[in-house]
C-alpha cells in the first residue's frame, strides 16, 4: 500500500476515534445519531453554546483586571522607547 494511502487511512481512523470519544462524552450512540440526527445536532449545539457562554463570562471578568495592567506596562514600554 502506498505511503499516502496508508497515512490517509490512519488519519481517518484517528479522527474517527476522536469523534467517537466526543460523541460518547455527549452520550450519543450510533443508532440514536442516525435516528434523531436533527435533535442530536441541536443537542450538541446547545452544549457547545453553554460552554462558550460559561467561558466568555470568565474571560470578560479577567479582562477587567488584565487589560488595564497590560495597558500600563505597554505605555511604560512605549515611553522608554522599546
C-alpha atoms as a PDB file:
ATOM      1  CA  UNK A   1       0.000   0.000   0.000  1.00  0.00           C
ATOM      2  CA  UNK A   2       1.463   3.423  -0.943  1.00  0.00           C
ATOM      3  CA  UNK A   3       2.507   5.653   1.944  1.00  0.00           C
ATOM      4  CA  UNK A   4      -0.009   8.418   1.189  1.00  0.00           C
ATOM      5  CA  UNK A   5      -2.943   5.982   1.189  1.00  0.00           C
ATOM      6  CA  UNK A   6      -1.722   4.385   4.425  1.00  0.00           C
ATOM      7  CA  UNK A   7      -1.304   7.834   6.020  1.00  0.00           C
ATOM      8  CA  UNK A   8      -4.784   8.854   4.881  1.00  0.00           C
ATOM      9  CA  UNK A   9      -6.340   5.697   6.310  1.00  0.00           C
ATOM     10  CA  UNK A  10      -4.501   6.226   9.617  1.00  0.00           C
ATOM     11  CA  UNK A  11      -5.728   9.842   9.787  1.00  0.00           C
ATOM     12  CA  UNK A  12      -9.307   8.752   9.115  1.00  0.00           C
ATOM     13  CA  UNK A  13      -9.066   6.097  11.838  1.00  0.00           C
ATOM     14  CA  UNK A  14      -7.560   8.596  14.315  1.00  0.00           C
ATOM     15  CA  UNK A  15     -10.183  11.272  13.613  1.00  0.00           C
ATOM     16  CA  UNK A  16     -12.964   8.675  13.769  1.00  0.00           C
ATOM     17  CA  UNK A  17     -11.679   7.579  17.175  1.00  0.00           C
ATOM     18  CA  UNK A  18     -11.554  11.165  18.461  1.00  0.00           C
ATOM     19  CA  UNK A  19     -15.050  11.960  17.162  1.00  0.00           C
ATOM     20  CA  UNK A  20     -16.316   8.687  18.642  1.00  0.00           C
ATOM     21  CA  UNK A  21     -14.907   9.678  22.039  1.00  0.00           C
ATOM     22  CA  UNK A  22     -16.553  13.097  21.811  1.00  0.00           C
ATOM     23  CA  UNK A  23     -19.910  11.611  20.846  1.00  0.00           C
ATOM     24  CA  UNK A  24     -19.593   9.108  23.680  1.00  0.00           C
ATOM     25  CA  UNK A  25     -18.897  12.015  26.044  1.00  0.00           C
ATOM     26  CA  UNK A  26     -22.205  13.560  24.935  1.00  0.00           C
ATOM     27  CA  UNK A  27     -23.876  10.152  25.494  1.00  0.00           C
ATOM     28  CA  UNK A  28     -24.703   9.623  21.814  1.00  0.00           C
ATOM     29  CA  UNK A  29     -24.735   6.159  20.267  1.00  0.00           C
ATOM     30  CA  UNK A  30     -24.717   5.382  16.504  1.00  0.00           C
ATOM     31  CA  UNK A  31     -28.367   4.315  16.238  1.00  0.00           C
ATOM     32  CA  UNK A  32     -29.554   7.380  18.141  1.00  0.00           C
ATOM     33  CA  UNK A  33     -27.361   9.561  15.950  1.00  0.00           C
ATOM     34  CA  UNK A  34     -28.881   8.224  12.744  1.00  0.00           C
ATOM     35  CA  UNK A  35     -32.450   8.068  14.058  1.00  0.00           C
ATOM     36  CA  UNK A  36     -32.535  11.557  15.554  1.00  0.00           C
ATOM     37  CA  UNK A  37     -29.873  13.394  13.571  1.00  0.00           C
ATOM     38  CA  UNK A  38     -31.589  16.784  13.797  1.00  0.00           C
ATOM     39  CA  UNK A  39     -32.165  16.528  17.536  1.00  0.00           C
ATOM     40  CA  UNK A  40     -28.609  15.280  18.054  1.00  0.00           C
ATOM     41  CA  UNK A  41     -27.132  18.233  16.180  1.00  0.00           C
ATOM     42  CA  UNK A  42     -29.331  20.574  18.213  1.00  0.00           C
ATOM     43  CA  UNK A  43     -28.227  18.904  21.470  1.00  0.00           C
ATOM     44  CA  UNK A  44     -24.548  19.262  20.539  1.00  0.00           C
ATOM     45  CA  UNK A  45     -25.094  22.906  19.560  1.00  0.00           C
ATOM     46  CA  UNK A  46     -26.777  23.628  22.909  1.00  0.00           C
ATOM     47  CA  UNK A  47     -23.925  22.030  24.851  1.00  0.00           C
ATOM     48  CA  UNK A  48     -21.282  23.944  22.896  1.00  0.00           C
ATOM     49  CA  UNK A  49     -23.222  27.194  23.312  1.00  0.00           C
ATOM     50  CA  UNK A  50     -23.453  26.619  27.075  1.00  0.00           C
ATOM     51  CA  UNK A  51     -19.695  26.005  27.282  1.00  0.00           C
ATOM     52  CA  UNK A  52     -18.951  29.170  25.298  1.00  0.00           C
ATOM     53  CA  UNK A  53     -21.365  31.206  27.419  1.00  0.00           C
ATOM     54  CA  UNK A  54     -19.701  29.873  30.584  1.00  0.00           C
ATOM     55  CA  UNK A  55     -16.201  30.663  29.289  1.00  0.00           C
ATOM     56  CA  UNK A  56     -16.916  34.148  27.957  1.00  0.00           C
ATOM     57  CA  UNK A  57     -18.136  35.269  31.377  1.00  0.00           C
ATOM     58  CA  UNK A  58     -14.782  34.409  32.947  1.00  0.00           C
ATOM     59  CA  UNK A  59     -12.738  35.862  30.082  1.00  0.00           C
ATOM     60  CA  UNK A  60     -14.537  39.186  30.457  1.00  0.00           C
ATOM     61  CA  UNK A  61     -14.150  39.114  34.235  1.00  0.00           C
ATOM     62  CA  UNK A  62     -10.406  38.517  33.923  1.00  0.00           C
ATOM     63  CA  UNK A  63     -10.061  41.148  31.199  1.00  0.00           C
ATOM     64  CA  UNK A  64     -11.342  43.798  33.615  1.00  0.00           C
ATOM     65  CA  UNK A  65      -8.107  43.260  35.576  1.00  0.00           C
ATOM     66  CA  UNK A  66      -5.627  42.143  32.907  1.00  0.00           C
ATOM     67  CA  UNK A  67      -6.260  44.738  30.174  1.00  0.00           C
ATOM     68  CA  UNK A  68      -5.661  47.835  32.341  1.00  0.00           C
ATOM     69  CA  UNK A  69      -2.458  46.308  33.754  1.00  0.00           C
ATOM     70  CA  UNK A  70      -1.298  45.444  30.240  1.00  0.00           C
ATOM     71  CA  UNK A  71      -2.077  48.973  29.045  1.00  0.00           C
ATOM     72  CA  UNK A  72       0.047  50.454  31.856  1.00  0.00           C
ATOM     73  CA  UNK A  73       3.022  48.223  31.004  1.00  0.00           C
ATOM     74  CA  UNK A  74       2.543  48.913  27.284  1.00  0.00           C
ATOM     75  CA  UNK A  75       2.528  52.674  27.898  1.00  0.00           C
ATOM     76  CA  UNK A  76       5.649  52.430  30.093  1.00  0.00           C
ATOM     77  CA  UNK A  77       7.403  50.435  27.370  1.00  0.00           C
ATOM     78  CA  UNK A  78       6.484  52.992  24.705  1.00  0.00           C
ATOM     79  CA  UNK A  79       7.614  55.864  26.956  1.00  0.00           C
ATOM     80  CA  UNK A  80      11.022  54.191  27.373  1.00  0.00           C
ATOM     81  CA  UNK A  81      11.277  53.760  23.630  1.00  0.00           C
ATOM     82  CA  UNK A  82      11.071  49.968  23.445  1.00  0.00           C
END
